[in-house]
């Protein structure tokens, strides 16, 4: 489950908040709590630069709980097309990873996400999409720039592919649900996670 909010501070600046609860297998328990605040600056109507911090707490009933902290920088580009909007997101992360049974790790990762979102019913000519159902497709690639030797030993880290449907209540609020395949490139064994993702997106 996720909640993402963008709070406008005027024409250029904004505060971002991203909160996530991630379950263990089969919804047995909460495995991760993710808190990701950010400060954004709109370079123009389509391009936004952001700086942020992330706290990821992992709960492990067998070994011990661990924490990963990140600093990150991001460039987001919205590309409006006649029937859909493409969003390109490039994010650089400096990761500080606590591990339960091995030494802690510092790493750098680059992420690129491409998202396509389209209303199911085309708005009137010249009108923007402000209410109704939509579909969303999303893909994100992640690769190590530093620290890969201590992690999976490879440049390629993981791939996330997502398909969902949503409802836009107004310019300020969407709700969305979908399926995400997460492919993790492991040192010895690769992992595929099948995820049901429910999100609320607000713009206040």
C-alpha atoms as a PDB file:
ATOM      1  CA  UNK A   1       0.000   0.000   0.000  1.00  0.00           C
ATOM      2  CA  UNK A   2       1.285   3.463  -0.866  1.00  0.00           C
ATOM      3  CA  UNK A   3       0.364   7.101  -0.470  1.00  0.00           C
ATOM      4  CA  UNK A   4       2.128   9.774  -2.516  1.00  0.00           C
ATOM      5  CA  UNK A   5       1.430  13.481  -2.040  1.00  0.00           C
ATOM      6  CA  UNK A   6       2.759  16.640  -3.665  1.00  0.00           C
ATOM      7  CA  UNK A   7       2.161  19.835  -1.695  1.00  0.00           C
ATOM      8  CA  UNK A   8       2.593  23.040  -3.686  1.00  0.00           C
ATOM      9  CA  UNK A   9       4.599  25.854  -2.093  1.00  0.00           C
ATOM     10  CA  UNK A  10       3.943  28.263  -4.952  1.00  0.00           C
ATOM     11  CA  UNK A  11       4.652  28.363  -8.666  1.00  0.00           C
ATOM     12  CA  UNK A  12       8.034  26.615  -8.480  1.00  0.00           C
ATOM     13  CA  UNK A  13       8.594  24.799  -5.179  1.00  0.00           C
ATOM     14  CA  UNK A  14       6.812  21.761  -3.720  1.00  0.00           C
ATOM     15  CA  UNK A  15       7.100  19.253  -0.900  1.00  0.00           C
ATOM     16  CA  UNK A  16       6.743  15.570  -1.666  1.00  0.00           C
ATOM     17  CA  UNK A  17       5.730  12.779   0.712  1.00  0.00           C
ATOM     18  CA  UNK A  18       5.825   9.089  -0.152  1.00  0.00           C
ATOM     19  CA  UNK A  19       4.707   6.520   2.449  1.00  0.00           C
ATOM     20  CA  UNK A  20       4.622   2.769   1.822  1.00  0.00           C
ATOM     21  CA  UNK A  21       3.684  -0.378   3.724  1.00  0.00           C
ATOM     22  CA  UNK A  22       5.086  -3.518   2.131  1.00  0.00           C
ATOM     23  CA  UNK A  23       3.968  -6.961   3.221  1.00  0.00           C
ATOM     24  CA  UNK A  24       5.877 -10.197   3.593  1.00  0.00           C
ATOM     25  CA  UNK A  25       4.810 -13.180   1.482  1.00  0.00           C
ATOM     26  CA  UNK A  26       1.061 -13.890   1.425  1.00  0.00           C
ATOM     27  CA  UNK A  27       0.293 -10.752   3.476  1.00  0.00           C
ATOM     28  CA  UNK A  28       1.494 -12.484   6.646  1.00  0.00           C
ATOM     29  CA  UNK A  29       2.816  -9.286   8.258  1.00  0.00           C
ATOM     30  CA  UNK A  30       4.237  -5.858   7.523  1.00  0.00           C
ATOM     31  CA  UNK A  31       7.793  -6.387   6.294  1.00  0.00           C
ATOM     32  CA  UNK A  32       8.817  -2.843   5.330  1.00  0.00           C
ATOM     33  CA  UNK A  33       7.837   0.699   6.222  1.00  0.00           C
ATOM     34  CA  UNK A  34       9.154   3.299   3.763  1.00  0.00           C
ATOM     35  CA  UNK A  35       9.166   7.060   4.420  1.00  0.00           C
ATOM     36  CA  UNK A  36      10.416   9.253   1.553  1.00  0.00           C
ATOM     37  CA  UNK A  37      10.146  13.071   1.860  1.00  0.00           C
ATOM     38  CA  UNK A  38      11.471  15.407  -0.850  1.00  0.00           C
ATOM     39  CA  UNK A  39      11.781  19.011  -1.995  1.00  0.00           C
ATOM     40  CA  UNK A  40      10.978  19.738  -5.636  1.00  0.00           C
ATOM     41  CA  UNK A  41      11.646  22.653  -7.997  1.00  0.00           C
ATOM     42  CA  UNK A  42       9.713  23.038 -11.254  1.00  0.00           C
ATOM     43  CA  UNK A  43      12.203  24.058 -13.927  1.00  0.00           C
ATOM     44  CA  UNK A  44       9.278  24.508 -16.317  1.00  0.00           C
ATOM     45  CA  UNK A  45       5.810  23.037 -16.847  1.00  0.00           C
ATOM     46  CA  UNK A  46       7.164  19.597 -17.763  1.00  0.00           C
ATOM     47  CA  UNK A  47      10.481  19.240 -15.887  1.00  0.00           C
ATOM     48  CA  UNK A  48      10.921  18.990 -12.100  1.00  0.00           C
ATOM     49  CA  UNK A  49      14.145  18.488 -10.142  1.00  0.00           C
ATOM     50  CA  UNK A  50      13.959  17.014  -6.630  1.00  0.00           C
ATOM     51  CA  UNK A  51      16.169  16.274  -3.633  1.00  0.00           C
ATOM     52  CA  UNK A  52      15.081  13.736  -1.066  1.00  0.00           C
ATOM     53  CA  UNK A  53      15.747  11.340   1.799  1.00  0.00           C
ATOM     54  CA  UNK A  54      14.441   7.824   2.366  1.00  0.00           C
ATOM     55  CA  UNK A  55      14.110   5.647   5.447  1.00  0.00           C
ATOM     56  CA  UNK A  56      13.334   1.967   4.856  1.00  0.00           C
ATOM     57  CA  UNK A  57      12.763  -0.111   7.996  1.00  0.00           C
ATOM     58  CA  UNK A  58      12.743  -3.891   7.498  1.00  0.00           C
ATOM     59  CA  UNK A  59      11.107  -6.025  10.205  1.00  0.00           C
ATOM     60  CA  UNK A  60      12.563  -9.525  10.560  1.00  0.00           C
ATOM     61  CA  UNK A  61      11.143 -11.793  13.301  1.00  0.00           C
ATOM     62  CA  UNK A  62      13.943 -14.353  12.839  1.00  0.00           C
ATOM     63  CA  UNK A  63      17.189 -12.333  12.842  1.00  0.00           C
ATOM     64  CA  UNK A  64      16.779  -8.631  13.707  1.00  0.00           C
ATOM     65  CA  UNK A  65      15.249  -5.500  12.261  1.00  0.00           C
ATOM     66  CA  UNK A  66      17.431  -3.411   9.928  1.00  0.00           C
ATOM     67  CA  UNK A  67      17.342   0.066   8.420  1.00  0.00           C
ATOM     68  CA  UNK A  68      18.382   1.444   5.041  1.00  0.00           C
ATOM     69  CA  UNK A  69      18.763   5.194   4.584  1.00  0.00           C
ATOM     70  CA  UNK A  70      19.185   7.000   1.273  1.00  0.00           C
ATOM     71  CA  UNK A  71      19.884  10.422  -0.106  1.00  0.00           C
ATOM     72  CA  UNK A  72      18.589  10.876  -3.637  1.00  0.00           C
ATOM     73  CA  UNK A  73      18.404  13.347  -6.508  1.00  0.00           C
ATOM     74  CA  UNK A  74      15.797  13.124  -9.250  1.00  0.00           C
ATOM     75  CA  UNK A  75      14.778  14.605 -12.577  1.00  0.00           C
ATOM     76  CA  UNK A  76      11.165  14.045 -13.693  1.00  0.00           C
ATOM     77  CA  UNK A  77       9.985  14.903 -17.223  1.00  0.00           C
ATOM     78  CA  UNK A  78       6.304  14.847 -18.228  1.00  0.00           C
ATOM     79  CA  UNK A  79       5.733  14.293 -21.945  1.00  0.00           C
ATOM     80  CA  UNK A  80       2.096  14.981 -22.951  1.00  0.00           C
ATOM     81  CA  UNK A  81       0.915  13.137 -26.065  1.00  0.00           C
ATOM     82  CA  UNK A  82      -2.495  13.300 -27.807  1.00  0.00           C
ATOM     83  CA  UNK A  83      -4.088  10.369 -25.898  1.00  0.00           C
ATOM     84  CA  UNK A  84      -1.686   9.740 -23.014  1.00  0.00           C
ATOM     85  CA  UNK A  85       1.074  11.193 -20.864  1.00  0.00           C
ATOM     86  CA  UNK A  86       4.544   9.713 -20.605  1.00  0.00           C
ATOM     87  CA  UNK A  87       6.619  10.441 -17.511  1.00  0.00           C
ATOM     88  CA  UNK A  88      10.364   9.857 -17.471  1.00  0.00           C
ATOM     89  CA  UNK A  89      12.002   9.677 -14.026  1.00  0.00           C
ATOM     90  CA  UNK A  90      15.758   9.483 -13.502  1.00  0.00           C
ATOM     91  CA  UNK A  91      16.903   9.043  -9.898  1.00  0.00           C
ATOM     92  CA  UNK A  92      20.385   8.791  -8.361  1.00  0.00           C
ATOM     93  CA  UNK A  93      20.563   7.216  -4.882  1.00  0.00           C
ATOM     94  CA  UNK A  94      23.293   7.147  -2.251  1.00  0.00           C
ATOM     95  CA  UNK A  95      22.432   4.138  -0.086  1.00  0.00           C
ATOM     96  CA  UNK A  96      23.489   3.368   3.502  1.00  0.00           C
ATOM     97  CA  UNK A  97      22.431  -0.233   4.097  1.00  0.00           C
ATOM     98  CA  UNK A  98      22.373  -1.919   7.491  1.00  0.00           C
ATOM     99  CA  UNK A  99      22.567  -5.721   7.298  1.00  0.00           C
ATOM    100  CA  UNK A 100      21.696  -8.219  10.031  1.00  0.00           C
ATOM    101  CA  UNK A 101      24.369 -10.868   9.469  1.00  0.00           C
ATOM    102  CA  UNK A 102      26.991  -9.061   7.327  1.00  0.00           C
ATOM    103  CA  UNK A 103      28.848  -5.722   7.478  1.00  0.00           C
ATOM    104  CA  UNK A 104      26.913  -2.598   6.538  1.00  0.00           C
ATOM    105  CA  UNK A 105      27.232  -1.340   2.956  1.00  0.00           C
ATOM    106  CA  UNK A 106      27.420   2.023   1.243  1.00  0.00           C
ATOM    107  CA  UNK A 107      26.335   1.962  -2.405  1.00  0.00           C
ATOM    108  CA  UNK A 108      25.224   4.182  -5.279  1.00  0.00           C
ATOM    109  CA  UNK A 109      22.353   3.208  -7.577  1.00  0.00           C
ATOM    110  CA  UNK A 110      20.818   4.725 -10.709  1.00  0.00           C
ATOM    111  CA  UNK A 111      17.136   4.230 -11.511  1.00  0.00           C
ATOM    112  CA  UNK A 112      15.141   5.017 -14.657  1.00  0.00           C
ATOM    113  CA  UNK A 113      11.355   4.769 -14.720  1.00  0.00           C
ATOM    114  CA  UNK A 114       9.032   5.178 -17.709  1.00  0.00           C
ATOM    115  CA  UNK A 115       5.318   5.537 -16.961  1.00  0.00           C
ATOM    116  CA  UNK A 116       2.443   5.815 -19.440  1.00  0.00           C
ATOM    117  CA  UNK A 117      -0.986   6.962 -18.231  1.00  0.00           C
ATOM    118  CA  UNK A 118      -4.085   7.318 -20.410  1.00  0.00           C
ATOM    119  CA  UNK A 119      -7.766   8.034 -19.667  1.00  0.00           C
ATOM    120  CA  UNK A 120     -10.171   5.278 -20.705  1.00  0.00           C
ATOM    121  CA  UNK A 121     -12.529   7.909 -22.084  1.00  0.00           C
ATOM    122  CA  UNK A 122     -11.012  10.675 -24.163  1.00  0.00           C
ATOM    123  CA  UNK A 123     -11.716  14.167 -22.731  1.00  0.00           C
ATOM    124  CA  UNK A 124     -13.445  16.747 -24.863  1.00  0.00           C
ATOM    125  CA  UNK A 125     -11.325  18.492 -27.476  1.00  0.00           C
ATOM    126  CA  UNK A 126      -9.024  20.973 -25.806  1.00  0.00           C
ATOM    127  CA  UNK A 127      -9.950  19.804 -22.270  1.00  0.00           C
ATOM    128  CA  UNK A 128      -7.573  18.228 -19.769  1.00  0.00           C
ATOM    129  CA  UNK A 129      -8.214  14.939 -17.983  1.00  0.00           C
ATOM    130  CA  UNK A 130      -9.767  15.854 -14.636  1.00  0.00           C
ATOM    131  CA  UNK A 131     -12.121  12.974 -13.759  1.00  0.00           C
ATOM    132  CA  UNK A 132     -12.743   9.352 -14.633  1.00  0.00           C
ATOM    133  CA  UNK A 133     -11.000   5.988 -15.113  1.00  0.00           C
ATOM    134  CA  UNK A 134      -7.520   5.560 -16.538  1.00  0.00           C
ATOM    135  CA  UNK A 135      -4.922   2.879 -17.238  1.00  0.00           C
ATOM    136  CA  UNK A 136      -1.261   2.992 -16.269  1.00  0.00           C
ATOM    137  CA  UNK A 137       1.771   1.038 -17.471  1.00  0.00           C
ATOM    138  CA  UNK A 138       5.159   1.422 -15.836  1.00  0.00           C
ATOM    139  CA  UNK A 139       8.650  -0.021 -16.058  1.00  0.00           C
ATOM    140  CA  UNK A 140      11.699   0.765 -13.920  1.00  0.00           C
ATOM    141  CA  UNK A 141      15.321  -0.365 -14.268  1.00  0.00           C
ATOM    142  CA  UNK A 142      17.870  -0.126 -11.442  1.00  0.00           C
ATOM    143  CA  UNK A 143      21.642  -0.484 -11.718  1.00  0.00           C
ATOM    144  CA  UNK A 144      24.617  -0.204  -9.364  1.00  0.00           C
ATOM    145  CA  UNK A 145      27.193   2.515  -9.915  1.00  0.00           C
ATOM    146  CA  UNK A 146      29.148   1.698  -6.726  1.00  0.00           C
ATOM    147  CA  UNK A 147      28.983  -0.981  -4.049  1.00  0.00           C
ATOM    148  CA  UNK A 148      27.939  -3.861  -6.294  1.00  0.00           C
ATOM    149  CA  UNK A 149      30.749  -6.128  -5.012  1.00  0.00           C
ATOM    150  CA  UNK A 150      29.183  -6.172  -1.537  1.00  0.00           C
ATOM    151  CA  UNK A 151      25.631  -6.628  -2.887  1.00  0.00           C
ATOM    152  CA  UNK A 152      24.871  -8.907  -5.850  1.00  0.00           C
ATOM    153  CA  UNK A 153      28.221  -8.486  -7.639  1.00  0.00           C
ATOM    154  CA  UNK A 154      26.518  -7.209 -10.813  1.00  0.00           C
ATOM    155  CA  UNK A 155      25.728  -3.856 -12.359  1.00  0.00           C
ATOM    156  CA  UNK A 156      22.077  -4.793 -12.994  1.00  0.00           C
ATOM    157  CA  UNK A 157      20.139  -4.789  -9.712  1.00  0.00           C
ATOM    158  CA  UNK A 158      16.434  -5.150 -10.432  1.00  0.00           C
ATOM    159  CA  UNK A 159      13.548  -4.521 -12.810  1.00  0.00           C
ATOM    160  CA  UNK A 160       9.971  -3.610 -11.890  1.00  0.00           C
ATOM    161  CA  UNK A 161       7.097  -3.886 -14.389  1.00  0.00           C
ATOM    162  CA  UNK A 162       3.622  -2.639 -13.458  1.00  0.00           C
ATOM    163  CA  UNK A 163       0.130  -2.469 -14.962  1.00  0.00           C
ATOM    164  CA  UNK A 164      -2.803  -0.847 -13.170  1.00  0.00           C
ATOM    165  CA  UNK A 165      -6.148   0.888 -13.432  1.00  0.00           C
ATOM    166  CA  UNK A 166      -7.166   3.987 -11.534  1.00  0.00           C
ATOM    167  CA  UNK A 167      -9.837   6.564 -10.960  1.00  0.00           C
ATOM    168  CA  UNK A 168      -9.199  10.297 -10.988  1.00  0.00           C
ATOM    169  CA  UNK A 169     -11.586  12.089  -8.637  1.00  0.00           C
ATOM    170  CA  UNK A 170     -10.289  15.564  -9.517  1.00  0.00           C
ATOM    171  CA  UNK A 171      -7.059  17.347 -10.356  1.00  0.00           C
ATOM    172  CA  UNK A 172      -6.056  16.717  -6.733  1.00  0.00           C
ATOM    173  CA  UNK A 173      -6.711  13.014  -6.124  1.00  0.00           C
ATOM    174  CA  UNK A 174      -6.325   9.602  -7.783  1.00  0.00           C
ATOM    175  CA  UNK A 175      -6.653   6.063  -6.486  1.00  0.00           C
ATOM    176  CA  UNK A 176      -4.987   3.185  -8.299  1.00  0.00           C
ATOM    177  CA  UNK A 177      -4.580  -0.595  -8.062  1.00  0.00           C
ATOM    178  CA  UNK A 178      -2.496  -2.971 -10.122  1.00  0.00           C
ATOM    179  CA  UNK A 179      -0.015  -5.816 -10.464  1.00  0.00           C
ATOM    180  CA  UNK A 180       3.757  -5.443 -10.273  1.00  0.00           C
ATOM    181  CA  UNK A 181       6.424  -7.981 -11.186  1.00  0.00           C
ATOM    182  CA  UNK A 182       9.696  -7.349  -9.360  1.00  0.00           C
ATOM    183  CA  UNK A 183      12.740  -9.161 -10.733  1.00  0.00           C
ATOM    184  CA  UNK A 184      15.758  -9.129  -8.386  1.00  0.00           C
ATOM    185  CA  UNK A 185      19.148 -10.032  -9.813  1.00  0.00           C
ATOM    186  CA  UNK A 186      20.748 -12.023  -6.995  1.00  0.00           C
ATOM    187  CA  UNK A 187      24.353 -13.056  -6.453  1.00  0.00           C
ATOM    188  CA  UNK A 188      23.480 -16.775  -6.589  1.00  0.00           C
ATOM    189  CA  UNK A 189      19.690 -16.978  -7.065  1.00  0.00           C
ATOM    190  CA  UNK A 190      17.386 -14.552  -8.861  1.00  0.00           C
ATOM    191  CA  UNK A 191      14.006 -13.692  -7.298  1.00  0.00           C
ATOM    192  CA  UNK A 192      10.624 -12.843  -8.817  1.00  0.00           C
ATOM    193  CA  UNK A 193       8.066 -11.175  -6.562  1.00  0.00           C
ATOM    194  CA  UNK A 194       4.406 -10.919  -7.610  1.00  0.00           C
ATOM    195  CA  UNK A 195       2.896  -7.825  -5.963  1.00  0.00           C
ATOM    196  CA  UNK A 196      -0.595  -6.363  -5.647  1.00  0.00           C
ATOM    197  CA  UNK A 197      -0.129  -2.608  -5.272  1.00  0.00           C
ATOM    198  CA  UNK A 198      -2.807  -0.157  -4.077  1.00  0.00           C
ATOM    199  CA  UNK A 199      -1.921   3.549  -4.230  1.00  0.00           C
ATOM    200  CA  UNK A 200      -3.457   6.895  -3.369  1.00  0.00           C
ATOM    201  CA  UNK A 201      -1.992   9.914  -5.179  1.00  0.00           C
ATOM    202  CA  UNK A 202      -2.829  13.416  -3.997  1.00  0.00           C
ATOM    203  CA  UNK A 203      -1.797  16.896  -5.171  1.00  0.00           C
ATOM    204  CA  UNK A 204      -2.575  19.542  -2.568  1.00  0.00           C
END
